[in-house]
Amino acid sequence: MIHSGKFDDYYYDDYNSHITDHKYTDLAVGISVGGKWVTRRGFVAEIYAGISRDMLNNSDIEVVGRGGVSIGYRFQ
């Protein structure tokens, strides 16, 4: 999975506080599991979940989760 985002970096000196915006793009590799169900009338439901680890270390995030639910109709 490729993901991107931004985070704020706060730091302080003797007199002021400073905020720096950082944008990142990272690549995560992992595993997902899930299932798909189809009824006789053509309705489809799918659910999945997974976890992966960042490979490029461009962000402070080390572990990324993903998941989803899909509901639809299959035309025949």
Protein backbone atom coordinates (compact mmCIF):
# COMPACT_ATOMS: atom_id res chain seq x y z
CA MET A 1 0.00 0.00 0.00
CA ILE A 2 1.22 3.50 -0.80
CA HIS A 3 0.01 6.16 1.62
CA SER A 4 0.74 9.83 2.16
CA GLY A 5 -0.14 12.57 4.62
CA LYS A 6 1.27 15.40 6.64
CA PHE A 7 2.12 16.06 10.26
CA ASP A 8 3.17 19.07 12.28
CA ASP A 9 6.52 19.19 14.05
CA TYR A 10 6.58 21.43 17.14
CA TYR A 11 9.79 22.71 18.64
CA TYR A 12 10.68 25.49 21.08
CA ASP A 13 13.65 27.76 21.49
CA ASP A 14 14.34 30.19 24.34
CA TYR A 15 11.82 32.79 23.15
CA ASN A 16 9.36 31.32 20.64
CA SER A 17 7.57 28.16 19.61
CA HIS A 18 7.78 26.98 16.01
CA ILE A 19 5.59 24.71 13.89
CA THR A 20 6.90 23.01 10.75
CA ASP A 21 4.65 21.10 8.33
CA HIS A 22 6.04 17.84 6.97
CA LYS A 23 4.51 15.93 4.05
CA TYR A 24 5.36 12.29 3.49
CA THR A 25 4.72 9.42 1.10
CA ASP A 26 5.52 5.92 2.25
CA LEU A 27 5.22 2.30 1.13
CA ALA A 28 3.81 -0.36 3.43
CA VAL A 29 3.95 -4.14 2.96
CA GLY A 30 1.74 -6.49 4.94
CA ILE A 31 -1.07 -9.01 4.96
CA SER A 32 -4.86 -8.85 4.72
CA VAL A 33 -7.60 -11.40 5.33
CA GLY A 34 -11.27 -11.33 4.47
CA GLY A 35 -14.22 -13.02 2.91
CA LYS A 36 -16.84 -12.56 0.21
CA TRP A 37 -20.39 -13.86 0.19
CA VAL A 38 -22.80 -14.05 -2.75
CA THR A 39 -26.50 -14.87 -2.35
CA ARG A 40 -28.56 -16.74 -4.94
CA ARG A 41 -30.28 -13.47 -5.84
CA GLY A 42 -26.96 -11.80 -6.70
CA PHE A 43 -26.29 -9.68 -3.61
CA VAL A 44 -22.61 -9.50 -2.63
CA ALA A 45 -21.01 -8.66 0.73
CA GLU A 46 -17.28 -8.44 1.38
CA ILE A 47 -15.31 -7.66 4.53
CA TYR A 48 -11.54 -7.46 4.97
CA ALA A 49 -8.91 -6.27 7.45
CA GLY A 50 -5.15 -6.09 7.36
CA ILE A 51 -2.00 -4.71 8.87
CA SER A 52 1.28 -3.64 7.29
CA ARG A 53 4.62 -2.10 8.17
CA ASP A 54 6.18 1.00 6.59
CA MET A 55 9.27 0.24 4.53
CA LEU A 56 10.71 3.67 3.63
CA ASN A 57 10.63 5.32 7.10
CA ASN A 58 9.50 8.66 5.69
CA SER A 59 6.95 9.18 8.49
CA ASP A 60 6.69 8.58 12.23
CA ILE A 61 4.10 5.85 11.59
CA GLU A 62 5.51 2.33 11.75
CA VAL A 63 2.36 0.20 11.43
CA VAL A 64 -0.58 0.91 9.12
CA GLY A 65 -3.97 -0.76 9.34
CA ARG A 66 -6.60 -1.12 6.65
CA GLY A 67 -10.06 -2.52 6.47
CA GLY A 68 -13.32 -2.27 4.64
CA VAL A 69 -16.83 -3.48 4.01
CA SER A 70 -18.44 -3.65 0.57
CA ILE A 71 -22.05 -4.37 -0.28
CA GLY A 72 -23.33 -4.63 -3.84
CA TYR A 73 -25.25 -6.47 -6.51
CA ARG A 74 -23.78 -8.77 -9.16
CA PHE A 75 -25.49 -8.53 -12.54
CA GLN A 76 -25.64 -11.79 -14.45
